[in-house]
Amino acid sequence: MTPTAAAADNPPPPPATRDDFLPFIPTHNLQTLAILISLPAGLQTCLLAELRRGNPLVQVERADWPHPGSLFISLGELFDPATRAMAPGLGVAWRQVNDPHYWREDLSQVRDGVEHLVVC
């Protein structure tokens, strides 16, 4: 199958809206909400799947790491295997890190040369 045919069979997910994230944000923090809806669509889809499974948000910030403009989201539990499995089809990379000083695994997506991360 050619890359063009594969893309036609698996269109990118639509961007999430503020209403998608509101149930997962304490006191409807507008800064947190703005960051979450700024994530690339594939990473949003993976993050929402985790939140809907009950994986809690721990940290949401404009970290400017690993690149200026990078967004950094931390979750409390490991990713569900279903999230790991769907990630590549959404243009999201999954990586097992297992670094006791940082995190155990991450999902990342690059948009406009800037990498954005969801870690746990």
PDB file of N, CA and C in Angstrom:
ATOM      1  N   MET A   1       0.852  -1.164   0.000  1.00  0.00           N
ATOM      2  CA  MET A   1       0.000   0.000   0.000  1.00  0.00           C
ATOM      3  C   MET A   1       0.903   1.233   0.000  1.00  0.00           C
ATOM      4  N   THR A   2       0.588   2.178  -0.818  1.00  0.00           N
ATOM      5  CA  THR A   2       1.385   3.401  -0.898  1.00  0.00           C
ATOM      6  C   THR A   2       1.066   4.303   0.291  1.00  0.00           C
ATOM      7  N   PRO A   3       2.005   5.205   0.669  1.00  0.00           N
ATOM      8  CA  PRO A   3       1.710   6.121   1.781  1.00  0.00           C
ATOM      9  C   PRO A   3       0.472   6.964   1.544  1.00  0.00           C
ATOM     10  N   THR A   4       0.245   7.349   0.275  1.00  0.00           N
ATOM     11  CA  THR A   4      -0.937   8.157  -0.035  1.00  0.00           C
ATOM     12  C   THR A   4      -2.209   7.352   0.194  1.00  0.00           C
ATOM     13  N   ALA A   5      -2.204   6.077  -0.209  1.00  0.00           N
ATOM     14  CA  ALA A   5      -3.379   5.232  -0.009  1.00  0.00           C
ATOM     15  C   ALA A   5      -3.615   4.999   1.475  1.00  0.00           C
ATOM     16  N   ALA A   6      -2.526   4.795   2.235  1.00  0.00           N
ATOM     17  CA  ALA A   6      -2.673   4.586   3.674  1.00  0.00           C
ATOM     18  C   ALA A   6      -3.262   5.819   4.343  1.00  0.00           C
ATOM     19  N   ALA A   7      -2.819   7.002   3.936  1.00  0.00           N
ATOM     20  CA  ALA A   7      -3.341   8.237   4.517  1.00  0.00           C
ATOM     21  C   ALA A   7      -4.815   8.407   4.194  1.00  0.00           C
ATOM     22  N   ALA A   8      -5.224   8.012   2.996  1.00  0.00           N
ATOM     23  CA  ALA A   8      -6.628   8.131   2.608  1.00  0.00           C
ATOM     24  C   ALA A   8      -7.502   7.179   3.424  1.00  0.00           C
ATOM     25  N   ASP A   9      -6.953   5.997   3.784  1.00  0.00           N
ATOM     26  CA  ASP A   9      -7.701   5.032   4.582  1.00  0.00           C
ATOM     27  C   ASP A   9      -7.780   5.435   6.047  1.00  0.00           C
ATOM     28  N   ASN A  10      -6.837   6.233   6.506  1.00  0.00           N
ATOM     29  CA  ASN A  10      -6.766   6.600   7.920  1.00  0.00           C
ATOM     30  C   ASN A  10      -6.605   8.114   8.036  1.00  0.00           C
ATOM     31  N   PRO A  11      -7.685   8.875   7.814  1.00  0.00           N
ATOM     32  CA  PRO A  11      -7.562  10.339   7.867  1.00  0.00           C
ATOM     33  C   PRO A  11      -7.211  10.792   9.274  1.00  0.00           C
ATOM     34  N   PRO A  12      -6.537  11.947   9.396  1.00  0.00           N
ATOM     35  CA  PRO A  12      -6.182  12.431  10.728  1.00  0.00           C
ATOM     36  C   PRO A  12      -7.435  12.748  11.532  1.00  0.00           C
ATOM     37  N   PRO A  13      -7.341  12.573  12.857  1.00  0.00           N
ATOM     38  CA  PRO A  13      -8.510  12.870  13.689  1.00  0.00           C
ATOM     39  C   PRO A  13      -8.778  14.364  13.698  1.00  0.00           C
ATOM     40  N   PRO A  14     -10.022  14.742  13.895  1.00  0.00           N
ATOM     41  CA  PRO A  14     -10.314  16.172  14.001  1.00  0.00           C
ATOM     42  C   PRO A  14      -9.727  16.708  15.297  1.00  0.00           C
ATOM     43  N   PRO A  15      -9.369  17.993  15.342  1.00  0.00           N
ATOM     44  CA  PRO A  15      -8.857  18.560  16.589  1.00  0.00           C
ATOM     45  C   PRO A  15      -9.899  18.484  17.690  1.00  0.00           C
ATOM     46  N   ALA A  16      -9.425  18.295  18.904  1.00  0.00           N
ATOM     47  CA  ALA A  16     -10.326  18.269  20.061  1.00  0.00           C
ATOM     48  C   ALA A  16     -10.802  19.681  20.352  1.00  0.00           C
ATOM     49  N   THR A  17     -11.918  19.763  21.021  1.00  0.00           N
ATOM     50  CA  THR A  17     -12.459  21.058  21.422  1.00  0.00           C
ATOM     51  C   THR A  17     -12.291  21.223  22.925  1.00  0.00           C
ATOM     52  N   ARG A  18     -12.542  22.423  23.402  1.00  0.00           N
ATOM     53  CA  ARG A  18     -12.446  22.676  24.845  1.00  0.00           C
ATOM     54  C   ARG A  18     -13.405  21.783  25.615  1.00  0.00           C
ATOM     55  N   ASP A  19     -14.567  21.474  25.029  1.00  0.00           N
ATOM     56  CA  ASP A  19     -15.549  20.636  25.706  1.00  0.00           C
ATOM     57  C   ASP A  19     -15.053  19.206  25.894  1.00  0.00           C
ATOM     58  N   ASP A  20     -14.158  18.743  25.011  1.00  0.00           N
ATOM     59  CA  ASP A  20     -13.592  17.407  25.157  1.00  0.00           C
ATOM     60  C   ASP A  20     -12.738  17.305  26.415  1.00  0.00           C
ATOM     61  N   PHE A  21     -12.020  18.368  26.746  1.00  0.00           N
ATOM     62  CA  PHE A  21     -11.091  18.352  27.868  1.00  0.00           C
ATOM     63  C   PHE A  21     -11.686  18.845  29.187  1.00  0.00           C
ATOM     64  N   LEU A  22     -12.763  19.609  29.153  1.00  0.00           N
ATOM     65  CA  LEU A  22     -13.310  20.210  30.378  1.00  0.00           C
ATOM     66  C   LEU A  22     -13.562  19.220  31.519  1.00  0.00           C
ATOM     67  N   PRO A  23     -14.055  18.007  31.253  1.00  0.00           N
ATOM     68  CA  PRO A  23     -14.317  17.099  32.383  1.00  0.00           C
ATOM     69  C   PRO A  23     -13.054  16.671  33.140  1.00  0.00           C
ATOM     70  N   PHE A  24     -11.880  16.881  32.561  1.00  0.00           N
ATOM     71  CA  PHE A  24     -10.649  16.375  33.149  1.00  0.00           C
ATOM     72  C   PHE A  24      -9.795  17.467  33.801  1.00  0.00           C
ATOM     73  N   ILE A  25     -10.293  18.699  33.821  1.00  0.00           N
ATOM     74  CA  ILE A  25      -9.518  19.830  34.336  1.00  0.00           C
ATOM     75  C   ILE A  25     -10.173  20.357  35.604  1.00  0.00           C
ATOM     76  N   PRO A  26      -9.446  20.308  36.716  1.00  0.00           N
ATOM     77  CA  PRO A  26     -10.028  20.838  37.952  1.00  0.00           C
ATOM     78  C   PRO A  26     -10.319  22.335  37.829  1.00  0.00           C
ATOM     79  N   THR A  27     -11.451  22.736  38.273  1.00  0.00           N
ATOM     80  CA  THR A  27     -11.920  24.123  38.283  1.00  0.00           C
ATOM     81  C   THR A  27     -11.826  24.792  36.911  1.00  0.00           C
ATOM     82  N   HIS A  28     -11.840  24.011  35.876  1.00  0.00           N
ATOM     83  CA  HIS A  28     -11.835  24.535  34.502  1.00  0.00           C
ATOM     84  C   HIS A  28     -10.737  25.576  34.280  1.00  0.00           C
ATOM     85  N   ASN A  29      -9.528  25.224  34.623  1.00  0.00           N
ATOM     86  CA  ASN A  29      -8.360  26.087  34.473  1.00  0.00           C
ATOM     87  C   ASN A  29      -8.168  26.452  33.004  1.00  0.00           C
ATOM     88  N   LEU A  30      -8.356  27.721  32.670  1.00  0.00           N
ATOM     89  CA  LEU A  30      -8.317  28.152  31.271  1.00  0.00           C
ATOM     90  C   LEU A  30      -6.925  28.043  30.661  1.00  0.00           C
ATOM     91  N   GLN A  31      -5.875  28.248  31.447  1.00  0.00           N
ATOM     92  CA  GLN A  31      -4.521  28.103  30.919  1.00  0.00           C
ATOM     93  C   GLN A  31      -4.248  26.645  30.556  1.00  0.00           C
ATOM     94  N   THR A  32      -4.631  25.729  31.418  1.00  0.00           N
ATOM     95  CA  THR A  32      -4.476  24.304  31.124  1.00  0.00           C
ATOM     96  C   THR A  32      -5.281  23.933  29.890  1.00  0.00           C
ATOM     97  N   LEU A  33      -6.491  24.393  29.818  1.00  0.00           N
ATOM     98  CA  LEU A  33      -7.352  24.110  28.677  1.00  0.00           C
ATOM     99  C   LEU A  33      -6.724  24.613  27.378  1.00  0.00           C
ATOM    100  N   ALA A  34      -6.170  25.812  27.387  1.00  0.00           N
ATOM    101  CA  ALA A  34      -5.535  26.373  26.189  1.00  0.00           C
ATOM    102  C   ALA A  34      -4.367  25.511  25.735  1.00  0.00           C
ATOM    103  N   ILE A  35      -3.590  25.001  26.665  1.00  0.00           N
ATOM    104  CA  ILE A  35      -2.460  24.140  26.306  1.00  0.00           C
ATOM    105  C   ILE A  35      -2.962  22.835  25.700  1.00  0.00           C
ATOM    106  N   LEU A  36      -3.951  22.208  26.323  1.00  0.00           N
ATOM    107  CA  LEU A  36      -4.453  20.923  25.837  1.00  0.00           C
ATOM    108  C   LEU A  36      -5.045  21.028  24.435  1.00  0.00           C
ATOM    109  N   ILE A  37      -5.762  22.112  24.158  1.00  0.00           N
ATOM    110  CA  ILE A  37      -6.342  22.218  22.815  1.00  0.00           C
ATOM    111  C   ILE A  37      -5.318  22.702  21.792  1.00  0.00           C
ATOM    112  N   SER A  38      -4.112  23.070  22.264  1.00  0.00           N
ATOM    113  CA  SER A  38      -3.027  23.446  21.345  1.00  0.00           C
ATOM    114  C   SER A  38      -2.196  22.254  20.903  1.00  0.00           C
ATOM    115  N   LEU A  39      -2.381  21.103  21.531  1.00  0.00           N
ATOM    116  CA  LEU A  39      -1.623  19.908  21.141  1.00  0.00           C
ATOM    117  C   LEU A  39      -1.962  19.492  19.715  1.00  0.00           C
ATOM    118  N   PRO A  40      -1.033  18.845  19.011  1.00  0.00           N
ATOM    119  CA  PRO A  40      -1.366  18.273  17.705  1.00  0.00           C
ATOM    120  C   PRO A  40      -2.511  17.261  17.847  1.00  0.00           C
ATOM    121  N   ALA A  41      -3.314  17.123  16.802  1.00  0.00           N
ATOM    122  CA  ALA A  41      -4.534  16.317  16.856  1.00  0.00           C
ATOM    123  C   ALA A  41      -4.289  14.862  17.248  1.00  0.00           C
ATOM    124  N   GLY A  42      -3.253  14.228  16.742  1.00  0.00           N
ATOM    125  CA  GLY A  42      -2.986  12.831  17.098  1.00  0.00           C
ATOM    126  C   GLY A  42      -2.676  12.672  18.577  1.00  0.00           C
ATOM    127  N   LEU A  43      -1.883  13.585  19.110  1.00  0.00           N
ATOM    128  CA  LEU A  43      -1.541  13.547  20.529  1.00  0.00           C
ATOM    129  C   LEU A  43      -2.772  13.846  21.383  1.00  0.00           C
ATOM    130  N   GLN A  44      -3.635  14.744  20.924  1.00  0.00           N
ATOM    131  CA  GLN A  44      -4.897  15.008  21.623  1.00  0.00           C
ATOM    132  C   GLN A  44      -5.736  13.740  21.715  1.00  0.00           C
ATOM    133  N   THR A  45      -5.828  13.022  20.606  1.00  0.00           N
ATOM    134  CA  THR A  45      -6.639  11.804  20.572  1.00  0.00           C
ATOM    135  C   THR A  45      -6.127  10.782  21.573  1.00  0.00           C
ATOM    136  N   CYS A  46      -4.804  10.585  21.615  1.00  0.00           N
ATOM    137  CA  CYS A  46      -4.212   9.649  22.577  1.00  0.00           C
ATOM    138  C   CYS A  46      -4.438  10.119  24.005  1.00  0.00           C
ATOM    139  N   LEU A  47      -4.236  11.398  24.258  1.00  0.00           N
ATOM    140  CA  LEU A  47      -4.419  11.944  25.597  1.00  0.00           C
ATOM    141  C   LEU A  47      -5.873  11.789  26.056  1.00  0.00           C
ATOM    142  N   LEU A  48      -6.815  12.123  25.194  1.00  0.00           N
ATOM    143  CA  LEU A  48      -8.227  11.972  25.564  1.00  0.00           C
ATOM    144  C   LEU A  48      -8.584  10.511  25.840  1.00  0.00           C
ATOM    145  N   ALA A  49      -8.018   9.584  25.083  1.00  0.00           N
ATOM    146  CA  ALA A  49      -8.270   8.160  25.339  1.00  0.00           C
ATOM    147  C   ALA A  49      -7.794   7.792  26.739  1.00  0.00           C
ATOM    148  N   GLU A  50      -6.628   8.286  27.127  1.00  0.00           N
ATOM    149  CA  GLU A  50      -6.101   8.015  28.466  1.00  0.00           C
ATOM    150  C   GLU A  50      -6.954   8.668  29.551  1.00  0.00           C
ATOM    151  N   LEU A  51      -7.323   9.903  29.351  1.00  0.00           N
ATOM    152  CA  LEU A  51      -8.150  10.596  30.350  1.00  0.00           C
ATOM    153  C   LEU A  51      -9.492   9.901  30.520  1.00  0.00           C
ATOM    154  N   ARG A  52     -10.084   9.472  29.433  1.00  0.00           N
ATOM    155  CA  ARG A  52     -11.381   8.779  29.500  1.00  0.00           C
ATOM    156  C   ARG A  52     -11.266   7.431  30.193  1.00  0.00           C
ATOM    157  N   ARG A  53     -10.075   6.825  30.176  1.00  0.00           N
ATOM    158  CA  ARG A  53      -9.843   5.563  30.888  1.00  0.00           C
ATOM    159  C   ARG A  53      -9.541   5.813  32.370  1.00  0.00           C
ATOM    160  N   GLY A  54      -9.425   7.079  32.766  1.00  0.00           N
ATOM    161  CA  GLY A  54      -9.179   7.394  34.168  1.00  0.00           C
ATOM    162  C   GLY A  54      -7.740   7.710  34.514  1.00  0.00           C
ATOM    163  N   ASN A  55      -6.864   7.816  33.522  1.00  0.00           N
ATOM    164  CA  ASN A  55      -5.466   8.168  33.782  1.00  0.00           C
ATOM    165  C   ASN A  55      -5.424   9.658  34.142  1.00  0.00           C
ATOM    166  N   PRO A  56      -5.004  10.012  35.364  1.00  0.00           N
ATOM    167  CA  PRO A  56      -5.117  11.397  35.823  1.00  0.00           C
ATOM    168  C   PRO A  56      -4.035  12.327  35.281  1.00  0.00           C
ATOM    169  N   LEU A  57      -4.431  13.575  35.016  1.00  0.00           N
ATOM    170  CA  LEU A  57      -3.471  14.620  34.669  1.00  0.00           C
ATOM    171  C   LEU A  57      -2.644  14.957  35.905  1.00  0.00           C
ATOM    172  N   VAL A  58      -1.334  15.063  35.732  1.00  0.00           N
ATOM    173  CA  VAL A  58      -0.447  15.437  36.819  1.00  0.00           C
ATOM    174  C   VAL A  58       0.140  16.819  36.567  1.00  0.00           C
ATOM    175  N   GLN A  59       0.529  17.068  35.327  1.00  0.00           N
ATOM    176  CA  GLN A  59       1.198  18.324  34.987  1.00  0.00           C
ATOM    177  C   GLN A  59       0.851  18.701  33.552  1.00  0.00           C
ATOM    178  N   VAL A  60       0.591  19.981  33.329  1.00  0.00           N
ATOM    179  CA  VAL A  60       0.313  20.528  32.002  1.00  0.00           C
ATOM    180  C   VAL A  60       1.055  21.845  31.913  1.00  0.00           C
ATOM    181  N   GLU A  61       1.995  21.955  30.946  1.00  0.00           N
ATOM    182  CA  GLU A  61       2.736  23.202  30.846  1.00  0.00           C
ATOM    183  C   GLU A  61       3.330  23.432  29.460  1.00  0.00           C
ATOM    184  N   ARG A  62       3.605  24.699  29.210  1.00  0.00           N
ATOM    185  CA  ARG A  62       4.394  25.102  28.051  1.00  0.00           C
ATOM    186  C   ARG A  62       5.842  25.050  28.516  1.00  0.00           C
ATOM    187  N   ALA A  63       6.470  23.915  28.305  1.00  0.00           N
ATOM    188  CA  ALA A  63       7.783  23.663  28.890  1.00  0.00           C
ATOM    189  C   ALA A  63       8.931  24.254  28.076  1.00  0.00           C
ATOM    190  N   ASP A  64       8.696  24.512  26.803  1.00  0.00           N
ATOM    191  CA  ASP A  64       9.772  24.945  25.904  1.00  0.00           C
ATOM    192  C   ASP A  64      10.929  23.944  25.920  1.00  0.00           C
ATOM    193  N   TRP A  65      10.607  22.681  26.177  1.00  0.00           N
ATOM    194  CA  TRP A  65      11.562  21.587  26.118  1.00  0.00           C
ATOM    195  C   TRP A  65      10.867  20.381  25.537  1.00  0.00           C
ATOM    196  N   PRO A  66      11.414  19.680  24.610  1.00  0.00           N
ATOM    197  CA  PRO A  66      12.791  19.741  24.127  1.00  0.00           C
ATOM    198  C   PRO A  66      13.058  20.838  23.098  1.00  0.00           C
ATOM    199  N   HIS A  67      12.046  21.574  22.700  1.00  0.00           N
ATOM    200  CA  HIS A  67      12.218  22.675  21.741  1.00  0.00           C
ATOM    201  C   HIS A  67      11.471  23.908  22.254  1.00  0.00           C
ATOM    202  N   PRO A  68      11.876  25.089  21.838  1.00  0.00           N
ATOM    203  CA  PRO A  68      11.060  26.263  22.153  1.00  0.00           C
ATOM    204  C   PRO A  68       9.642  26.050  21.605  1.00  0.00           C
ATOM    205  N   GLY A  69       8.658  26.266  22.422  1.00  0.00           N
ATOM    206  CA  GLY A  69       7.266  26.064  22.024  1.00  0.00           C
ATOM    207  C   GLY A  69       6.711  24.693  22.349  1.00  0.00           C
ATOM    208  N   SER A  70       7.540  23.781  22.883  1.00  0.00           N
ATOM    209  CA  SER A  70       7.069  22.432  23.213  1.00  0.00           C
ATOM    210  C   SER A  70       6.056  22.465  24.354  1.00  0.00           C
ATOM    211  N   LEU A  71       5.041  21.620  24.219  1.00  0.00           N
ATOM    212  CA  LEU A  71       4.037  21.427  25.257  1.00  0.00           C
ATOM    213  C   LEU A  71       4.329  20.108  25.965  1.00  0.00           C
ATOM    214  N   PHE A  72       4.152  20.071  27.277  1.00  0.00           N
ATOM    215  CA  PHE A  72       4.518  18.919  28.091  1.00  0.00           C
ATOM    216  C   PHE A  72       3.361  18.561  29.004  1.00  0.00           C
ATOM    217  N   ILE A  73       2.878  17.328  28.872  1.00  0.00           N
ATOM    218  CA  ILE A  73       1.767  16.836  29.672  1.00  0.00           C
ATOM    219  C   ILE A  73       2.241  15.587  30.394  1.00  0.00           C
ATOM    220  N   SER A  74       1.973  15.494  31.698  1.00  0.00           N
ATOM    221  CA  SER A  74       2.341  14.312  32.463  1.00  0.00           C
ATOM    222  C   SER A  74       1.073  13.671  33.020  1.00  0.00           C
ATOM    223  N   LEU A  75       1.015  12.337  32.913  1.00  0.00           N
ATOM    224  CA  LEU A  75      -0.106  11.562  33.438  1.00  0.00           C
ATOM    225  C   LEU A  75       0.369  10.694  34.591  1.00  0.00           C
ATOM    226  N   GLY A  76      -0.558  10.238  35.427  1.00  0.00           N
ATOM    227  CA  GLY A  76      -0.218   9.499  36.632  1.00  0.00           C
ATOM    228  C   GLY A  76       0.035   8.014  36.459  1.00  0.00           C
ATOM    229  N   GLU A  77      -0.473   7.424  35.405  1.00  0.00           N
ATOM    230  CA  GLU A  77      -0.350   5.978  35.204  1.00  0.00           C
ATOM    231  C   GLU A  77       0.238   5.673  33.835  1.00  0.00           C
ATOM    232  N   LEU A  78       0.725   4.442  33.659  1.00  0.00           N
ATOM    233  CA  LEU A  78       1.240   4.014  32.356  1.00  0.00           C
ATOM    234  C   LEU A  78       0.134   4.068  31.304  1.00  0.00           C
ATOM    235  N   PHE A  79       0.533   4.195  30.043  1.00  0.00           N
ATOM    236  CA  PHE A  79      -0.435   4.217  28.948  1.00  0.00           C
ATOM    237  C   PHE A  79      -1.088   2.850  28.793  1.00  0.00           C
ATOM    238  N   ASP A  80      -2.335   2.875  28.439  1.00  0.00           N
ATOM    239  CA  ASP A  80      -3.065   1.656  28.139  1.00  0.00           C
ATOM    240  C   ASP A  80      -2.504   1.051  26.850  1.00  0.00           C
ATOM    241  N   PRO A  81      -2.433  -0.285  26.739  1.00  0.00           N
ATOM    242  CA  PRO A  81      -1.938  -0.896  25.496  1.00  0.00           C
ATOM    243  C   PRO A  81      -2.715  -0.445  24.252  1.00  0.00           C
ATOM    244  N   ALA A  82      -4.004  -0.175  24.386  1.00  0.00           N
ATOM    245  CA  ALA A  82      -4.794   0.281  23.230  1.00  0.00           C
ATOM    246  C   ALA A  82      -4.307   1.648  22.751  1.00  0.00           C
ATOM    247  N   THR A  83      -3.895   2.506  23.665  1.00  0.00           N
ATOM    248  CA  THR A  83      -3.371   3.820  23.283  1.00  0.00           C
ATOM    249  C   THR A  83      -2.042   3.655  22.563  1.00  0.00           C
ATOM    250  N   ARG A  84      -1.174   2.795  23.104  1.00  0.00           N
ATOM    251  CA  ARG A  84       0.112   2.528  22.441  1.00  0.00           C
ATOM    252  C   ARG A  84      -0.112   1.997  21.026  1.00  0.00           C
ATOM    253  N   ALA A  85      -1.110   1.141  20.869  1.00  0.00           N
ATOM    254  CA  ALA A  85      -1.372   0.523  19.567  1.00  0.00           C
ATOM    255  C   ALA A  85      -1.923   1.523  18.551  1.00  0.00           C
ATOM    256  N   MET A  86      -2.750   2.465  18.995  1.00  0.00           N
ATOM    257  CA  MET A  86      -3.349   3.397  18.037  1.00  0.00           C
ATOM    258  C   MET A  86      -2.414   4.552  17.678  1.00  0.00           C
ATOM    259  N   ALA A  87      -1.424   4.821  18.508  1.00  0.00           N
ATOM    260  CA  ALA A  87      -0.566   5.995  18.331  1.00  0.00           C
ATOM    261  C   ALA A  87       0.086   6.087  16.946  1.00  0.00           C
ATOM    262  N   PRO A  88       0.732   5.045  16.424  1.00  0.00           N
ATOM    263  CA  PRO A  88       1.407   5.191  15.129  1.00  0.00           C
ATOM    264  C   PRO A  88       0.472   5.591  13.990  1.00  0.00           C
ATOM    265  N   GLY A  89      -0.741   5.091  14.008  1.00  0.00           N
ATOM    266  CA  GLY A  89      -1.710   5.444  12.976  1.00  0.00           C
ATOM    267  C   GLY A  89      -2.151   6.895  13.022  1.00  0.00           C
ATOM    268  N   LEU A  90      -1.856   7.555  14.142  1.00  0.00           N
ATOM    269  CA  LEU A  90      -2.210   8.964  14.324  1.00  0.00           C
ATOM    270  C   LEU A  90      -1.008   9.885  14.146  1.00  0.00           C
ATOM    271  N   GLY A  91       0.135   9.301  13.766  1.00  0.00           N
ATOM    272  CA  GLY A  91       1.346  10.096  13.615  1.00  0.00           C
ATOM    273  C   GLY A  91       2.030  10.395  14.934  1.00  0.00           C
ATOM    274  N   VAL A  92       1.743   9.583  15.948  1.00  0.00           N
ATOM    275  CA  VAL A  92       2.296   9.759  17.291  1.00  0.00           C
ATOM    276  C   VAL A  92       3.291   8.633  17.558  1.00  0.00           C
ATOM    277  N   ALA A  93       4.453   8.986  18.085  1.00  0.00           N
ATOM    278  CA  ALA A  93       5.469   7.988  18.413  1.00  0.00           C
ATOM    279  C   ALA A  93       5.357   7.618  19.885  1.00  0.00           C
ATOM    280  N   TRP A  94       5.428   6.314  20.189  1.00  0.00           N
ATOM    281  CA  TRP A  94       5.466   5.818  21.561  1.00  0.00           C
ATOM    282  C   TRP A  94       6.883   5.355  21.854  1.00  0.00           C
ATOM    283  N   ARG A  95       7.354   5.627  23.071  1.00  0.00           N
ATOM    284  CA  ARG A  95       8.702   5.216  23.451  1.00  0.00           C
ATOM    285  C   ARG A  95       8.704   4.796  24.911  1.00  0.00           C
ATOM    286  N   GLN A  96       9.338   3.651  25.183  1.00  0.00           N
ATOM    287  CA  GLN A  96       9.541   3.210  26.551  1.00  0.00           C
ATOM    288  C   GLN A  96      10.855   3.812  27.034  1.00  0.00           C
ATOM    289  N   VAL A  97      10.816   4.578  28.120  1.00  0.00           N
ATOM    290  CA  VAL A  97      11.980   5.290  28.628  1.00  0.00           C
ATOM    291  C   VAL A  97      12.544   4.592  29.872  1.00  0.00           C
ATOM    292  N   ASN A  98      11.691   4.308  30.843  1.00  0.00           N
ATOM    293  CA  ASN A  98      12.068   3.662  32.103  1.00  0.00           C
ATOM    294  C   ASN A  98      13.265   4.313  32.790  1.00  0.00           C
ATOM    295  N   ASP A  99      13.247   5.628  32.862  1.00  0.00           N
ATOM    296  CA  ASP A  99      14.277   6.369  33.578  1.00  0.00           C
ATOM    297  C   ASP A  99      13.696   6.784  34.924  1.00  0.00           C
ATOM    298  N   PRO A 100      14.240   6.268  36.037  1.00  0.00           N
ATOM    299  CA  PRO A 100      13.655   6.574  37.347  1.00  0.00           C
ATOM    300  C   PRO A 100      13.702   8.060  37.720  1.00  0.00           C
ATOM    301  N   HIS A 101      14.529   8.847  37.052  1.00  0.00           N
ATOM    302  CA  HIS A 101      14.603  10.276  37.350  1.00  0.00           C
ATOM    303  C   HIS A 101      13.588  11.099  36.571  1.00  0.00           C
ATOM    304  N   TYR A 102      13.049  10.529  35.508  1.00  0.00           N
ATOM    305  CA  TYR A 102      12.146  11.299  34.652  1.00  0.00           C
ATOM    306  C   TYR A 102      10.798  10.606  34.511  1.00  0.00           C
ATOM    307  N   TRP A 103      10.642   9.724  33.517  1.00  0.00           N
ATOM    308  CA  TRP A 103       9.364   9.054  33.320  1.00  0.00           C
ATOM    309  C   TRP A 103       9.577   7.682  32.714  1.00  0.00           C
ATOM    310  N   ARG A 104       8.486   6.918  32.673  1.00  0.00           N
ATOM    311  CA  ARG A 104       8.562   5.526  32.220  1.00  0.00           C
ATOM    312  C   ARG A 104       8.322   5.372  30.727  1.00  0.00           C
ATOM    313  N   GLU A 105       7.406   6.155  30.176  1.00  0.00           N
ATOM    314  CA  GLU A 105       7.141   6.077  28.740  1.00  0.00           C
ATOM    315  C   GLU A 105       6.584   7.405  28.262  1.00  0.00           C
ATOM    316  N   ASP A 106       6.673   7.618  26.947  1.00  0.00           N
ATOM    317  CA  ASP A 106       6.127   8.867  26.417  1.00  0.00           C
ATOM    318  C   ASP A 106       5.505   8.669  25.057  1.00  0.00           C
ATOM    319  N   LEU A 107       4.630   9.590  24.740  1.00  0.00           N
ATOM    320  CA  LEU A 107       4.048   9.734  23.411  1.00  0.00           C
ATOM    321  C   LEU A 107       4.494  11.099  22.917  1.00  0.00           C
ATOM    322  N   SER A 108       4.902  11.172  21.656  1.00  0.00           N
ATOM    323  CA  SER A 108       5.333  12.466  21.126  1.00  0.00           C
ATOM    324  C   SER A 108       4.835  12.633  19.699  1.00  0.00           C
ATOM    325  N   GLN A 109       4.651  13.896  19.343  1.00  0.00           N
ATOM    326  CA  GLN A 109       4.260  14.240  17.983  1.00  0.00           C
ATOM    327  C   GLN A 109       4.937  15.561  17.646  1.00  0.00           C
ATOM    328  N   VAL A 110       5.457  15.625  16.432  1.00  0.00           N
ATOM    329  CA  VAL A 110       6.134  16.831  15.964  1.00  0.00           C
ATOM    330  C   VAL A 110       5.192  17.580  15.037  1.00  0.00           C
ATOM    331  N   ARG A 111       5.055  18.872  15.297  1.00  0.00           N
ATOM    332  CA  ARG A 111       4.281  19.745  14.422  1.00  0.00           C
ATOM    333  C   ARG A 111       5.118  20.996  14.183  1.00  0.00           C
ATOM    334  N   ASP A 112       5.301  21.335  12.918  1.00  0.00           N
ATOM    335  CA  ASP A 112       6.077  22.516  12.537  1.00  0.00           C
ATOM    336  C   ASP A 112       7.473  22.497  13.168  1.00  0.00           C
ATOM    337  N   GLY A 113       8.084  21.308  13.237  1.00  0.00           N
ATOM    338  CA  GLY A 113       9.440  21.176  13.753  1.00  0.00           C
ATOM    339  C   GLY A 113       9.546  21.211  15.266  1.00  0.00           C
ATOM    340  N   VAL A 114       8.423  21.244  15.974  1.00  0.00           N
ATOM    341  CA  VAL A 114       8.425  21.311  17.438  1.00  0.00           C
ATOM    342  C   VAL A 114       7.821  20.014  17.981  1.00  0.00           C
ATOM    343  N   GLU A 115       8.549  19.344  18.878  1.00  0.00           N
ATOM    344  CA  GLU A 115       8.080  18.111  19.485  1.00  0.00           C
ATOM    345  C   GLU A 115       7.260  18.417  20.743  1.00  0.00           C
ATOM    346  N   HIS A 116       6.112  17.761  20.849  1.00  0.00           N
ATOM    347  CA  HIS A 116       5.227  17.900  22.005  1.00  0.00           C
ATOM    348  C   HIS A 116       5.131  16.525  22.670  1.00  0.00           C
ATOM    349  N   LEU A 117       5.079  16.496  24.005  1.00  0.00           N
ATOM    350  CA  LEU A 117       5.157  15.236  24.755  1.00  0.00           C
ATOM    351  C   LEU A 117       4.002  15.037  25.720  1.00  0.00           C
ATOM    352  N   VAL A 118       3.553  13.783  25.801  1.00  0.00           N
ATOM    353  CA  VAL A 118       2.695  13.313  26.890  1.00  0.00           C
ATOM    354  C   VAL A 118       3.490  12.178  27.527  1.00  0.00           C
ATOM    355  N   VAL A 119       3.755  12.294  28.816  1.00  0.00           N
ATOM    356  CA  VAL A 119       4.596  11.315  29.505  1.00  0.00           C
ATOM    357  C   VAL A 119       3.862  10.709  30.690  1.00  0.00           C
ATOM    358  N   CYS A 120       4.353   9.575  31.134  1.00  0.00           N
ATOM    359  CA  CYS A 120       3.841   8.973  32.360  1.00  0.00           C
ATOM    360  C   CYS A 120       4.947   8.181  33.026  1.00  0.00           C
TER     361      CYS A 120
END
